[in-house]
Amino acid sequence: MTTPDRNRVQLPGISSRAYEHPADRSALVAMRSLSGFDAVLKRTSGLFSERRLRLMFLASAVRTTDTQFRALYDMGRDSAYILDLHRIPEIYVQQDPKAYAMAIGFDEPFIIVSTGLLDLMDSEELRFVVGHETSHILSGHAVYGTMLAILTRLATRVAWIPLGYIGLRIIVAALEEWQRKAEMSADRGGLLAGQDPDAALRALMKLAGGSRLHEMNIEAFLDQAREYDTAGDVRDGLLKVLNMLGTTHPFAVTRVAELDRWRRDGEYDRVLAGDYPRREDDANARLTDEIKAAANSYRESWAQSQDPFIGVLRDVAEGAVNAGERIFNRFARREN
């Protein structure tokens, strides 16, 4: 594997825990601790056959190589080099005016990038996006995202059974909340891969406002995030919660604010300086520690939030988090 196009810091042996949001990390540690979980999910997800999907994109999209979309191919190579992936994921370019990218697959994951995204992003912004998708692969998010897709389809099939539907919707809502945190994790991983904070924030802002970058300002966009957080009153806070139902990605202002906060808190610089967990130690990650970290993360976000609705629900939410900690701690003790 050749080196990146400029002097970026390589992160040998980096664990995905280095950049994962605590709520995402705790869920992943819990799922990884269930022996055989991944294998069972792969066997039961026939509708999402990795081989079938790869053949479909091989036939209908353009695979990047050193002779096709060379710049994008190099970005994939560079991201794998920096995040120390032993296999470089294939990248396919798909004709679609909508701007998106996604990582697909279990055993040999690959990345899809739309032409709309290529037209929207400059090279450093695109590098952040490729790093974002590479981080999804390093974390193994595809497995649990597939589980969300399966359960969502199942929920629509049993909608005529009230109790069954309600139960599944609760599970789906929890998985959607996990996936929103997984996107924040991948944003952090994308920043580590690209190592250009301004480009990362620009890329996320462009997903909201499009290509007219000269008409936008990142500080003004961060002001929007602060205004969104404070909301008008309790009614606005409730409407924000309702707007999130059925979504798997955080809103753009939230992603920009969270990524900027993570960088300013010093985590980004610590990782680049070599202070990060190693992959070889993943098996020793303690579920109880990760659950506590996730609970503390939620508590910290509630304490920092100026949303009146969060203030009203803080005590209820705190009780739910405490109950969740007790349940997971009992589970962890039984596993040990």
C-alpha atoms as a PDB file:
ATOM      1  CA  MET A   1       0.000   0.000   0.000  1.00  0.00           C
ATOM      2  CA  THR A   2       1.488   3.381  -0.966  1.00  0.00           C
ATOM      3  CA  THR A   3       1.484   6.417   1.271  1.00  0.00           C
ATOM      4  CA  PRO A   4      -1.111   9.244   1.141  1.00  0.00           C
ATOM      5  CA  ASP A   5      -0.713  12.224  -1.174  1.00  0.00           C
ATOM      6  CA  ARG A   6       0.454  14.524   1.631  1.00  0.00           C
ATOM      7  CA  ASN A   7       1.916  14.149   5.103  1.00  0.00           C
ATOM      8  CA  ARG A   8      -1.025  12.907   7.131  1.00  0.00           C
ATOM      9  CA  VAL A   9      -0.530  11.066  10.393  1.00  0.00           C
ATOM     10  CA  GLN A  10      -1.004   7.312  10.100  1.00  0.00           C
ATOM     11  CA  LEU A  11      -2.768   5.649  13.036  1.00  0.00           C
ATOM     12  CA  PRO A  12      -1.339   2.120  13.245  1.00  0.00           C
ATOM     13  CA  GLY A  13      -3.563  -0.434  14.939  1.00  0.00           C
ATOM     14  CA  ILE A  14      -6.207   2.146  15.805  1.00  0.00           C
ATOM     15  CA  SER A  15      -9.383   0.737  17.304  1.00  0.00           C
ATOM     16  CA  SER A  16     -12.700   2.138  16.171  1.00  0.00           C
ATOM     17  CA  ARG A  17     -13.311   2.846  19.865  1.00  0.00           C
ATOM     18  CA  ALA A  18     -10.954   5.817  19.437  1.00  0.00           C
ATOM     19  CA  TYR A  19     -13.587   7.796  17.542  1.00  0.00           C
ATOM     20  CA  GLU A  20     -16.905   6.124  18.333  1.00  0.00           C
ATOM     21  CA  HIS A  21     -19.539   8.120  20.174  1.00  0.00           C
ATOM     22  CA  PRO A  22     -19.988   6.554  23.657  1.00  0.00           C
ATOM     23  CA  ALA A  23     -23.586   5.512  22.909  1.00  0.00           C
ATOM     24  CA  ASP A  24     -22.476   3.874  19.666  1.00  0.00           C
ATOM     25  CA  ARG A  25     -19.422   2.282  21.286  1.00  0.00           C
ATOM     26  CA  SER A  26     -21.382   0.707  24.137  1.00  0.00           C
ATOM     27  CA  ALA A  27     -23.861  -0.871  21.719  1.00  0.00           C
ATOM     28  CA  LEU A  28     -21.043  -2.231  19.552  1.00  0.00           C
ATOM     29  CA  VAL A  29     -19.144  -3.676  22.528  1.00  0.00           C
ATOM     30  CA  ALA A  30     -22.369  -5.333  23.723  1.00  0.00           C
ATOM     31  CA  MET A  31     -23.118  -6.828  20.304  1.00  0.00           C
ATOM     32  CA  ARG A  32     -19.534  -8.013  19.792  1.00  0.00           C
ATOM     33  CA  SER A  33     -19.713  -9.790  23.156  1.00  0.00           C
ATOM     34  CA  LEU A  34     -22.570 -11.977  21.892  1.00  0.00           C
ATOM     35  CA  SER A  35     -20.732 -14.915  20.380  1.00  0.00           C
ATOM     36  CA  GLY A  36     -22.023 -15.814  16.938  1.00  0.00           C
ATOM     37  CA  PHE A  37     -24.290 -12.753  16.634  1.00  0.00           C
ATOM     38  CA  ASP A  38     -22.718 -11.556  13.402  1.00  0.00           C
ATOM     39  CA  ALA A  39     -22.852 -15.028  11.860  1.00  0.00           C
ATOM     40  CA  VAL A  40     -26.543 -15.460  12.714  1.00  0.00           C
ATOM     41  CA  LEU A  41     -27.420 -12.065  11.276  1.00  0.00           C
ATOM     42  CA  LYS A  42     -25.550 -12.814   8.065  1.00  0.00           C
ATOM     43  CA  ARG A  43     -27.430 -16.091   7.620  1.00  0.00           C
ATOM     44  CA  THR A  44     -30.817 -14.460   8.229  1.00  0.00           C
ATOM     45  CA  SER A  45     -30.290 -11.474   5.924  1.00  0.00           C
ATOM     46  CA  GLY A  46     -30.656 -13.167   2.582  1.00  0.00           C
ATOM     47  CA  LEU A  47     -32.473 -10.163   1.138  1.00  0.00           C
ATOM     48  CA  PHE A  48     -29.321  -8.113   1.703  1.00  0.00           C
ATOM     49  CA  SER A  49     -26.882 -10.512   0.046  1.00  0.00           C
ATOM     50  CA  GLU A  50     -23.492  -8.856  -0.166  1.00  0.00           C
ATOM     51  CA  ARG A  51     -22.523 -10.875  -3.224  1.00  0.00           C
ATOM     52  CA  ARG A  52     -25.719  -9.960  -5.040  1.00  0.00           C
ATOM     53  CA  LEU A  53     -25.292  -6.268  -4.279  1.00  0.00           C
ATOM     54  CA  ARG A  54     -21.655  -6.253  -5.332  1.00  0.00           C
ATOM     55  CA  LEU A  55     -22.577  -7.896  -8.648  1.00  0.00           C
ATOM     56  CA  MET A  56     -25.318  -5.312  -9.161  1.00  0.00           C
ATOM     57  CA  PHE A  57     -22.922  -2.389  -8.708  1.00  0.00           C
ATOM     58  CA  LEU A  58     -20.235  -4.150 -10.737  1.00  0.00           C
ATOM     59  CA  ALA A  59     -22.753  -4.243 -13.586  1.00  0.00           C
ATOM     60  CA  SER A  60     -24.388  -0.817 -13.206  1.00  0.00           C
ATOM     61  CA  ALA A  61     -21.772   1.531 -11.681  1.00  0.00           C
ATOM     62  CA  VAL A  62     -18.125   2.440 -12.319  1.00  0.00           C
ATOM     63  CA  ARG A  63     -15.499   0.855 -10.076  1.00  0.00           C
ATOM     64  CA  THR A  64     -12.664   3.198  -9.184  1.00  0.00           C
ATOM     65  CA  THR A  65      -9.159   2.065 -10.148  1.00  0.00           C
ATOM     66  CA  ASP A  66      -5.891   3.693 -11.087  1.00  0.00           C
ATOM     67  CA  THR A  67      -7.453   4.316 -14.512  1.00  0.00           C
ATOM     68  CA  GLN A  68     -11.070   5.167 -13.492  1.00  0.00           C
ATOM     69  CA  PHE A  69     -11.838   8.003 -11.055  1.00  0.00           C
ATOM     70  CA  ARG A  70      -8.198   7.881 -10.011  1.00  0.00           C
ATOM     71  CA  ALA A  71      -8.485  10.691  -7.425  1.00  0.00           C
ATOM     72  CA  LEU A  72     -11.346   8.936  -5.635  1.00  0.00           C
ATOM     73  CA  TYR A  73      -9.472   5.627  -5.800  1.00  0.00           C
ATOM     74  CA  ASP A  74      -6.474   7.284  -4.146  1.00  0.00           C
ATOM     75  CA  MET A  75      -8.693   8.708  -1.403  1.00  0.00           C
ATOM     76  CA  GLY A  76      -9.951   5.228  -0.582  1.00  0.00           C
ATOM     77  CA  ARG A  77      -6.394   3.931  -0.498  1.00  0.00           C
ATOM     78  CA  ASP A  78      -5.288   6.816   1.720  1.00  0.00           C
ATOM     79  CA  SER A  79      -8.163   6.366   4.181  1.00  0.00           C
ATOM     80  CA  ALA A  80      -7.383   2.658   4.511  1.00  0.00           C
ATOM     81  CA  TYR A  81      -3.710   3.496   5.047  1.00  0.00           C
ATOM     82  CA  ILE A  82      -4.374   6.093   7.754  1.00  0.00           C
ATOM     83  CA  LEU A  83      -6.954   3.984   9.631  1.00  0.00           C
ATOM     84  CA  ASP A  84      -4.764   0.897   9.166  1.00  0.00           C
ATOM     85  CA  LEU A  85      -7.269  -1.264   7.307  1.00  0.00           C
ATOM     86  CA  HIS A  86      -5.519  -4.298   5.847  1.00  0.00           C
ATOM     87  CA  ARG A  87      -7.905  -4.439   2.899  1.00  0.00           C
ATOM     88  CA  ILE A  88      -8.741  -1.390   0.789  1.00  0.00           C
ATOM     89  CA  PRO A  89     -12.520  -1.252   0.223  1.00  0.00           C
ATOM     90  CA  GLU A  90     -13.633  -1.011  -3.383  1.00  0.00           C
ATOM     91  CA  ILE A  91     -15.368   2.234  -4.322  1.00  0.00           C
ATOM     92  CA  TYR A  92     -18.098   2.430  -6.965  1.00  0.00           C
ATOM     93  CA  VAL A  93     -19.418   5.616  -8.576  1.00  0.00           C
ATOM     94  CA  GLN A  94     -23.152   5.555  -9.278  1.00  0.00           C
ATOM     95  CA  GLN A  95     -24.983   7.973 -11.552  1.00  0.00           C
ATOM     96  CA  ASP A  96     -27.470   9.828  -9.355  1.00  0.00           C
ATOM     97  CA  PRO A  97     -27.980  13.597  -8.972  1.00  0.00           C
ATOM     98  CA  LYS A  98     -28.689  13.145  -5.247  1.00  0.00           C
ATOM     99  CA  ALA A  99     -25.610  13.591  -3.069  1.00  0.00           C
ATOM    100  CA  TYR A 100     -24.898  10.513  -0.950  1.00  0.00           C
ATOM    101  CA  ALA A 101     -22.341   7.878  -0.084  1.00  0.00           C
ATOM    102  CA  MET A 102     -22.728   4.573   1.739  1.00  0.00           C
ATOM    103  CA  ALA A 103     -20.777   1.546   2.903  1.00  0.00           C
ATOM    104  CA  ILE A 104     -22.275  -1.890   2.162  1.00  0.00           C
ATOM    105  CA  GLY A 105     -21.349  -5.413   3.119  1.00  0.00           C
ATOM    106  CA  PHE A 106     -20.147  -7.713   5.901  1.00  0.00           C
ATOM    107  CA  ASP A 107     -17.166  -9.794   4.786  1.00  0.00           C
ATOM    108  CA  GLU A 108     -15.809  -7.575   2.008  1.00  0.00           C
ATOM    109  CA  PRO A 109     -17.494  -4.179   2.447  1.00  0.00           C
ATOM    110  CA  PHE A 110     -17.430  -1.642  -0.368  1.00  0.00           C
ATOM    111  CA  ILE A 111     -18.343   1.999  -0.766  1.00  0.00           C
ATOM    112  CA  ILE A 112     -20.853   3.672  -3.102  1.00  0.00           C
ATOM    113  CA  VAL A 113     -20.468   7.350  -4.040  1.00  0.00           C
ATOM    114  CA  SER A 114     -23.042   9.174  -6.139  1.00  0.00           C
ATOM    115  CA  THR A 115     -22.141  11.530  -8.976  1.00  0.00           C
ATOM    116  CA  GLY A 116     -24.193  14.159  -7.157  1.00  0.00           C
ATOM    117  CA  LEU A 117     -21.762  13.978  -4.256  1.00  0.00           C
ATOM    118  CA  LEU A 118     -18.754  14.182  -6.589  1.00  0.00           C
ATOM    119  CA  ASP A 119     -20.215  17.340  -8.140  1.00  0.00           C
ATOM    120  CA  LEU A 120     -20.956  18.859  -4.704  1.00  0.00           C
ATOM    121  CA  MET A 121     -17.673  18.338  -2.855  1.00  0.00           C
ATOM    122  CA  ASP A 122     -14.153  19.596  -3.461  1.00  0.00           C
ATOM    123  CA  SER A 123     -11.281  17.119  -3.075  1.00  0.00           C
ATOM    124  CA  GLU A 124     -10.663  17.633   0.665  1.00  0.00           C
ATOM    125  CA  GLU A 125     -14.384  17.530   1.451  1.00  0.00           C
ATOM    126  CA  LEU A 126     -14.708  14.340  -0.575  1.00  0.00           C
ATOM    127  CA  ARG A 127     -11.757  12.860   1.303  1.00  0.00           C
ATOM    128  CA  PHE A 128     -13.674  13.443   4.553  1.00  0.00           C
ATOM    129  CA  VAL A 129     -16.698  11.623   3.114  1.00  0.00           C
ATOM    130  CA  VAL A 130     -14.610   8.636   1.986  1.00  0.00           C
ATOM    131  CA  GLY A 131     -13.004   8.552   5.436  1.00  0.00           C
ATOM    132  CA  HIS A 132     -16.488   8.666   6.979  1.00  0.00           C
ATOM    133  CA  GLU A 133     -17.550   5.573   5.029  1.00  0.00           C
ATOM    134  CA  THR A 134     -14.239   3.820   5.748  1.00  0.00           C
ATOM    135  CA  SER A 135     -14.857   4.445   9.451  1.00  0.00           C
ATOM    136  CA  HIS A 136     -18.271   2.770   9.150  1.00  0.00           C
ATOM    137  CA  ILE A 137     -16.439  -0.272   7.781  1.00  0.00           C
ATOM    138  CA  LEU A 138     -13.820  -0.289  10.551  1.00  0.00           C
ATOM    139  CA  SER A 139     -16.587  -0.094  13.173  1.00  0.00           C
ATOM    140  CA  GLY A 140     -18.649  -2.850  11.545  1.00  0.00           C
ATOM    141  CA  HIS A 141     -21.717  -0.636  11.408  1.00  0.00           C
ATOM    142  CA  ALA A 142     -23.112  -2.472   8.370  1.00  0.00           C
ATOM    143  CA  VAL A 143     -24.079  -5.463  10.506  1.00  0.00           C
ATOM    144  CA  TYR A 144     -26.263  -3.453  12.861  1.00  0.00           C
ATOM    145  CA  GLY A 145     -27.582  -1.173  10.149  1.00  0.00           C
ATOM    146  CA  THR A 146     -28.788  -4.312   8.369  1.00  0.00           C
ATOM    147  CA  MET A 147     -30.534  -5.390  11.557  1.00  0.00           C
ATOM    148  CA  LEU A 148     -32.334  -2.030  11.604  1.00  0.00           C
ATOM    149  CA  ALA A 149     -33.454  -2.501   7.988  1.00  0.00           C
ATOM    150  CA  ILE A 150     -34.753  -6.012   8.736  1.00  0.00           C
ATOM    151  CA  LEU A 151     -36.689  -4.920  11.815  1.00  0.00           C
ATOM    152  CA  THR A 152     -38.124  -1.880  10.036  1.00  0.00           C
ATOM    153  CA  ARG A 153     -39.510  -4.107   7.290  1.00  0.00           C
ATOM    154  CA  LEU A 154     -40.827  -6.543   9.871  1.00  0.00           C
ATOM    155  CA  ALA A 155     -42.578  -3.718  11.730  1.00  0.00           C
ATOM    156  CA  THR A 156     -44.530  -2.787   8.589  1.00  0.00           C
ATOM    157  CA  ARG A 157     -45.615  -6.413   8.113  1.00  0.00           C
ATOM    158  CA  VAL A 158     -47.036  -6.764  11.629  1.00  0.00           C
ATOM    159  CA  ALA A 159     -48.589  -3.297  11.771  1.00  0.00           C
ATOM    160  CA  TRP A 160     -52.038  -4.900  12.005  1.00  0.00           C
ATOM    161  CA  ILE A 161     -51.063  -6.492  15.357  1.00  0.00           C
ATOM    162  CA  PRO A 162     -51.107  -3.522  17.778  1.00  0.00           C
ATOM    163  CA  LEU A 163     -48.918  -4.927  20.570  1.00  0.00           C
ATOM    164  CA  GLY A 164     -46.476  -6.569  18.173  1.00  0.00           C
ATOM    165  CA  TYR A 165     -46.097  -3.356  16.193  1.00  0.00           C
ATOM    166  CA  ILE A 166     -45.612  -1.220  19.302  1.00  0.00           C
ATOM    167  CA  GLY A 167     -42.916  -3.563  20.588  1.00  0.00           C
ATOM    168  CA  LEU A 168     -41.055  -3.546  17.296  1.00  0.00           C
ATOM    169  CA  ARG A 169     -41.355   0.218  16.953  1.00  0.00           C
ATOM    170  CA  ILE A 170     -39.691   0.644  20.349  1.00  0.00           C
ATOM    171  CA  ILE A 171     -36.804  -1.558  19.178  1.00  0.00           C
ATOM    172  CA  VAL A 172     -36.599   0.263  15.838  1.00  0.00           C
ATOM    173  CA  ALA A 173     -36.611   3.648  17.596  1.00  0.00           C
ATOM    174  CA  ALA A 174     -33.716   2.514  19.787  1.00  0.00           C
ATOM    175  CA  LEU A 175     -31.795   1.292  16.730  1.00  0.00           C
ATOM    176  CA  GLU A 176     -32.471   4.574  14.931  1.00  0.00           C
ATOM    177  CA  GLU A 177     -31.027   6.445  17.906  1.00  0.00           C
ATOM    178  CA  TRP A 178     -27.990   4.145  17.769  1.00  0.00           C
ATOM    179  CA  GLN A 179     -27.567   4.771  14.043  1.00  0.00           C
ATOM    180  CA  ARG A 180     -27.688   8.533  14.517  1.00  0.00           C
ATOM    181  CA  LYS A 181     -24.854   8.187  17.027  1.00  0.00           C
ATOM    182  CA  ALA A 182     -23.028   5.857  14.600  1.00  0.00           C
ATOM    183  CA  GLU A 183     -23.114   8.654  12.006  1.00  0.00           C
ATOM    184  CA  MET A 184     -21.488  10.986  14.533  1.00  0.00           C
ATOM    185  CA  SER A 185     -18.835   8.312  15.115  1.00  0.00           C
ATOM    186  CA  ALA A 186     -18.140   8.069  11.386  1.00  0.00           C
ATOM    187  CA  ASP A 187     -17.903  11.868  11.142  1.00  0.00           C
ATOM    188  CA  ARG A 188     -15.103  11.731  13.712  1.00  0.00           C
ATOM    189  CA  GLY A 189     -13.427   8.888  11.822  1.00  0.00           C
ATOM    190  CA  GLY A 190     -13.740  10.864   8.593  1.00  0.00           C
ATOM    191  CA  LEU A 191     -11.977  13.796  10.238  1.00  0.00           C
ATOM    192  CA  LEU A 192      -9.167  11.500  11.411  1.00  0.00           C
ATOM    193  CA  ALA A 193      -8.802  10.118   7.882  1.00  0.00           C
ATOM    194  CA  GLY A 194      -8.833  13.489   6.104  1.00  0.00           C
ATOM    195  CA  GLN A 195      -7.142  15.509   8.867  1.00  0.00           C
ATOM    196  CA  ASP A 196      -8.640  18.766   7.597  1.00  0.00           C
ATOM    197  CA  PRO A 197     -11.196  20.094  10.148  1.00  0.00           C
ATOM    198  CA  ASP A 198     -12.355  22.975   7.956  1.00  0.00           C
ATOM    199  CA  ALA A 199     -13.051  20.640   5.023  1.00  0.00           C
ATOM    200  CA  ALA A 200     -15.005  18.269   7.279  1.00  0.00           C
ATOM    201  CA  LEU A 201     -17.263  21.059   8.537  1.00  0.00           C
ATOM    202  CA  ARG A 202     -17.699  22.422   5.000  1.00  0.00           C
ATOM    203  CA  ALA A 203     -18.730  19.003   3.714  1.00  0.00           C
ATOM    204  CA  LEU A 204     -21.446  18.666   6.348  1.00  0.00           C
ATOM    205  CA  MET A 205     -22.637  22.236   5.737  1.00  0.00           C
ATOM    206  CA  LYS A 206     -22.871  21.562   1.994  1.00  0.00           C
ATOM    207  CA  LEU A 207     -25.177  18.606   2.681  1.00  0.00           C
ATOM    208  CA  ALA A 208     -27.605  21.193   4.043  1.00  0.00           C
ATOM    209  CA  GLY A 209     -27.032  24.166   1.728  1.00  0.00           C
ATOM    210  CA  GLY A 210     -25.630  22.787  -1.490  1.00  0.00           C
ATOM    211  CA  SER A 211     -22.694  23.905  -3.605  1.00  0.00           C
ATOM    212  CA  ARG A 212     -22.870  27.700  -3.185  1.00  0.00           C
ATOM    213  CA  LEU A 213     -20.159  27.784  -0.546  1.00  0.00           C
ATOM    214  CA  HIS A 214     -19.490  31.504  -1.116  1.00  0.00           C
ATOM    215  CA  GLU A 215     -23.025  32.164   0.146  1.00  0.00           C
ATOM    216  CA  MET A 216     -22.478  30.270   3.421  1.00  0.00           C
ATOM    217  CA  ASN A 217     -20.413  30.802   6.551  1.00  0.00           C
ATOM    218  CA  ILE A 218     -19.412  28.088   9.016  1.00  0.00           C
ATOM    219  CA  GLU A 219     -19.626  30.379  12.068  1.00  0.00           C
ATOM    220  CA  ALA A 220     -23.133  31.443  11.067  1.00  0.00           C
ATOM    221  CA  PHE A 221     -24.038  27.781  10.584  1.00  0.00           C
ATOM    222  CA  LEU A 222     -22.745  27.010  14.082  1.00  0.00           C
ATOM    223  CA  ASP A 223     -24.951  29.867  15.330  1.00  0.00           C
ATOM    224  CA  GLN A 224     -27.854  28.039  13.713  1.00  0.00           C
ATOM    225  CA  ALA A 225     -26.915  24.962  15.712  1.00  0.00           C
ATOM    226  CA  ARG A 226     -26.961  26.954  18.941  1.00  0.00           C
ATOM    227  CA  GLU A 227     -30.338  28.460  18.042  1.00  0.00           C
ATOM    228  CA  TYR A 228     -31.695  25.001  17.218  1.00  0.00           C
ATOM    229  CA  ASP A 229     -30.488  23.726  20.588  1.00  0.00           C
ATOM    230  CA  THR A 230     -32.067  26.508  22.627  1.00  0.00           C
ATOM    231  CA  ALA A 231     -35.428  26.291  20.802  1.00  0.00           C
ATOM    232  CA  GLY A 232     -38.297  28.687  21.555  1.00  0.00           C
ATOM    233  CA  ASP A 233     -40.184  26.881  24.295  1.00  0.00           C
ATOM    234  CA  VAL A 234     -41.241  23.395  25.391  1.00  0.00           C
ATOM    235  CA  ARG A 235     -43.463  23.044  22.326  1.00  0.00           C
ATOM    236  CA  ASP A 236     -40.506  23.553  19.995  1.00  0.00           C
ATOM    237  CA  GLY A 237     -38.520  20.952  21.940  1.00  0.00           C
ATOM    238  CA  LEU A 238     -41.319  18.435  21.505  1.00  0.00           C
ATOM    239  CA  LEU A 239     -41.503  19.188  17.784  1.00  0.00           C
ATOM    240  CA  LYS A 240     -37.765  18.541  17.459  1.00  0.00           C
ATOM    241  CA  VAL A 241     -38.230  15.104  19.006  1.00  0.00           C
ATOM    242  CA  LEU A 242     -41.115  14.369  16.643  1.00  0.00           C
ATOM    243  CA  ASN A 243     -39.025  15.510  13.660  1.00  0.00           C
ATOM    244  CA  MET A 244     -36.386  12.906  14.552  1.00  0.00           C
ATOM    245  CA  LEU A 245     -38.824   9.966  14.452  1.00  0.00           C
ATOM    246  CA  GLY A 246     -38.002   7.645  11.563  1.00  0.00           C
ATOM    247  CA  THR A 247     -34.630   9.272  10.852  1.00  0.00           C
ATOM    248  CA  THR A 248     -31.276   7.458  10.832  1.00  0.00           C
ATOM    249  CA  HIS A 249     -29.033  10.528  10.391  1.00  0.00           C
ATOM    250  CA  PRO A 250     -28.716  13.556  12.679  1.00  0.00           C
ATOM    251  CA  PHE A 251     -29.611  16.900  11.167  1.00  0.00           C
ATOM    252  CA  ALA A 252     -26.748  18.788   9.524  1.00  0.00           C
ATOM    253  CA  VAL A 253     -26.479  21.538  12.165  1.00  0.00           C
ATOM    254  CA  THR A 254     -26.238  18.892  14.886  1.00  0.00           C
ATOM    255  CA  ARG A 255     -23.491  17.003  13.048  1.00  0.00           C
ATOM    256  CA  VAL A 256     -21.443  20.151  12.492  1.00  0.00           C
ATOM    257  CA  ALA A 257     -21.807  21.242  16.125  1.00  0.00           C
ATOM    258  CA  GLU A 258     -20.944  17.773  17.496  1.00  0.00           C
ATOM    259  CA  LEU A 259     -17.890  17.332  15.273  1.00  0.00           C
ATOM    260  CA  ASP A 260     -16.648  20.837  16.078  1.00  0.00           C
ATOM    261  CA  ARG A 261     -17.138  20.176  19.816  1.00  0.00           C
ATOM    262  CA  TRP A 262     -15.251  16.851  19.628  1.00  0.00           C
ATOM    263  CA  ARG A 263     -12.313  18.576  17.948  1.00  0.00           C
ATOM    264  CA  ARG A 264     -12.313  21.524  20.361  1.00  0.00           C
ATOM    265  CA  ASP A 265     -12.458  19.196  23.367  1.00  0.00           C
ATOM    266  CA  GLY A 266      -9.042  17.884  22.347  1.00  0.00           C
ATOM    267  CA  GLU A 267      -9.951  14.312  21.372  1.00  0.00           C
ATOM    268  CA  TYR A 268      -8.882  14.816  17.761  1.00  0.00           C
ATOM    269  CA  ASP A 269      -5.443  16.120  18.723  1.00  0.00           C
ATOM    270  CA  ARG A 270      -4.943  13.339  21.291  1.00  0.00           C
ATOM    271  CA  VAL A 271      -5.605  10.665  18.676  1.00  0.00           C
ATOM    272  CA  LEU A 272      -3.244  12.261  16.170  1.00  0.00           C
ATOM    273  CA  ALA A 273      -0.605  12.381  18.919  1.00  0.00           C
ATOM    274  CA  GLY A 274      -0.880   8.582  19.272  1.00  0.00           C
ATOM    275  CA  ASP A 275      -3.051   8.490  22.411  1.00  0.00           C
ATOM    276  CA  TYR A 276      -5.784   6.094  21.332  1.00  0.00           C
ATOM    277  CA  PRO A 277      -7.029   2.537  22.073  1.00  0.00           C
ATOM    278  CA  ARG A 278      -5.536  -0.241  19.942  1.00  0.00           C
ATOM    279  CA  ARG A 279      -7.435  -2.893  18.020  1.00  0.00           C
ATOM    280  CA  GLU A 280      -5.487  -5.637  19.762  1.00  0.00           C
ATOM    281  CA  ASP A 281      -7.140  -4.614  23.039  1.00  0.00           C
ATOM    282  CA  ASP A 282     -10.745  -4.626  21.766  1.00  0.00           C
ATOM    283  CA  ALA A 283     -11.420  -8.047  23.306  1.00  0.00           C
ATOM    284  CA  ASN A 284     -10.619  -6.596  26.723  1.00  0.00           C
ATOM    285  CA  ALA A 285     -13.122  -3.727  26.450  1.00  0.00           C
ATOM    286  CA  ARG A 286     -15.481  -3.924  29.441  1.00  0.00           C
ATOM    287  CA  LEU A 287     -19.175  -3.583  28.696  1.00  0.00           C
ATOM    288  CA  THR A 288     -19.865  -2.015  32.103  1.00  0.00           C
ATOM    289  CA  ASP A 289     -17.296   0.719  31.430  1.00  0.00           C
ATOM    290  CA  GLU A 290     -18.789   1.466  28.025  1.00  0.00           C
ATOM    291  CA  ILE A 291     -22.330   1.610  29.423  1.00  0.00           C
ATOM    292  CA  LYS A 292     -21.182   4.096  32.055  1.00  0.00           C
ATOM    293  CA  ALA A 293     -19.437   6.173  29.400  1.00  0.00           C
ATOM    294  CA  ALA A 294     -22.607   6.219  27.279  1.00  0.00           C
ATOM    295  CA  ALA A 295     -24.746   7.229  30.269  1.00  0.00           C
ATOM    296  CA  ASN A 296     -22.309   9.980  31.196  1.00  0.00           C
ATOM    297  CA  SER A 297     -22.307  11.214  27.608  1.00  0.00           C
ATOM    298  CA  TYR A 298     -26.093  11.575  27.626  1.00  0.00           C
ATOM    299  CA  ARG A 299     -25.978  13.293  31.039  1.00  0.00           C
ATOM    300  CA  GLU A 300     -23.354  15.728  29.771  1.00  0.00           C
ATOM    301  CA  SER A 301     -25.364  16.537  26.640  1.00  0.00           C
ATOM    302  CA  TRP A 302     -28.482  17.174  28.756  1.00  0.00           C
ATOM    303  CA  ALA A 303     -26.516  19.402  31.124  1.00  0.00           C
ATOM    304  CA  GLN A 304     -25.118  21.423  28.209  1.00  0.00           C
ATOM    305  CA  SER A 305     -28.418  21.659  26.333  1.00  0.00           C
ATOM    306  CA  GLN A 306     -30.444  24.858  26.626  1.00  0.00           C
ATOM    307  CA  ASP A 307     -33.539  23.150  25.187  1.00  0.00           C
ATOM    308  CA  PRO A 308     -36.504  23.823  27.539  1.00  0.00           C
ATOM    309  CA  PHE A 309     -38.060  20.473  26.624  1.00  0.00           C
ATOM    310  CA  ILE A 310     -34.883  18.630  27.663  1.00  0.00           C
ATOM    311  CA  GLY A 311     -35.058  20.524  30.961  1.00  0.00           C
ATOM    312  CA  VAL A 312     -38.593  19.275  31.570  1.00  0.00           C
ATOM    313  CA  LEU A 313     -37.680  15.662  30.735  1.00  0.00           C
ATOM    314  CA  ARG A 314     -34.239  15.617  32.377  1.00  0.00           C
ATOM    315  CA  ASP A 315     -35.393  13.862  35.548  1.00  0.00           C
ATOM    316  CA  VAL A 316     -37.380  11.266  33.611  1.00  0.00           C
ATOM    317  CA  ALA A 317     -34.496  10.648  31.232  1.00  0.00           C
ATOM    318  CA  GLU A 318     -32.030  10.390  34.126  1.00  0.00           C
ATOM    319  CA  GLY A 319     -34.228   7.713  35.699  1.00  0.00           C
ATOM    320  CA  ALA A 320     -34.333   5.795  32.419  1.00  0.00           C
ATOM    321  CA  VAL A 321     -30.551   5.956  32.056  1.00  0.00           C
ATOM    322  CA  ASN A 322     -30.041   4.775  35.640  1.00  0.00           C
ATOM    323  CA  ALA A 323     -32.422   1.859  35.054  1.00  0.00           C
ATOM    324  CA  GLY A 324     -30.614   0.978  31.829  1.00  0.00           C
ATOM    325  CA  GLU A 325     -27.269   0.998  33.613  1.00  0.00           C
ATOM    326  CA  ARG A 326     -28.557  -1.398  36.256  1.00  0.00           C
ATOM    327  CA  ILE A 327     -29.964  -3.796  33.647  1.00  0.00           C
ATOM    328  CA  PHE A 328     -26.766  -3.822  31.579  1.00  0.00           C
ATOM    329  CA  ASN A 329     -24.611  -4.194  34.703  1.00  0.00           C
ATOM    330  CA  ARG A 330     -26.568  -7.317  35.699  1.00  0.00           C
ATOM    331  CA  PHE A 331     -26.191  -8.672  32.157  1.00  0.00           C
ATOM    332  CA  ALA A 332     -22.470  -7.974  32.202  1.00  0.00           C
ATOM    333  CA  ARG A 333     -22.007  -9.716  35.553  1.00  0.00           C
ATOM    334  CA  ARG A 334     -23.741 -12.823  34.228  1.00  0.00           C
ATOM    335  CA  GLU A 335     -21.526 -12.756  31.105  1.00  0.00           C
ATOM    336  CA  ASN A 336     -18.437 -12.561  33.331  1.00  0.00           C
END
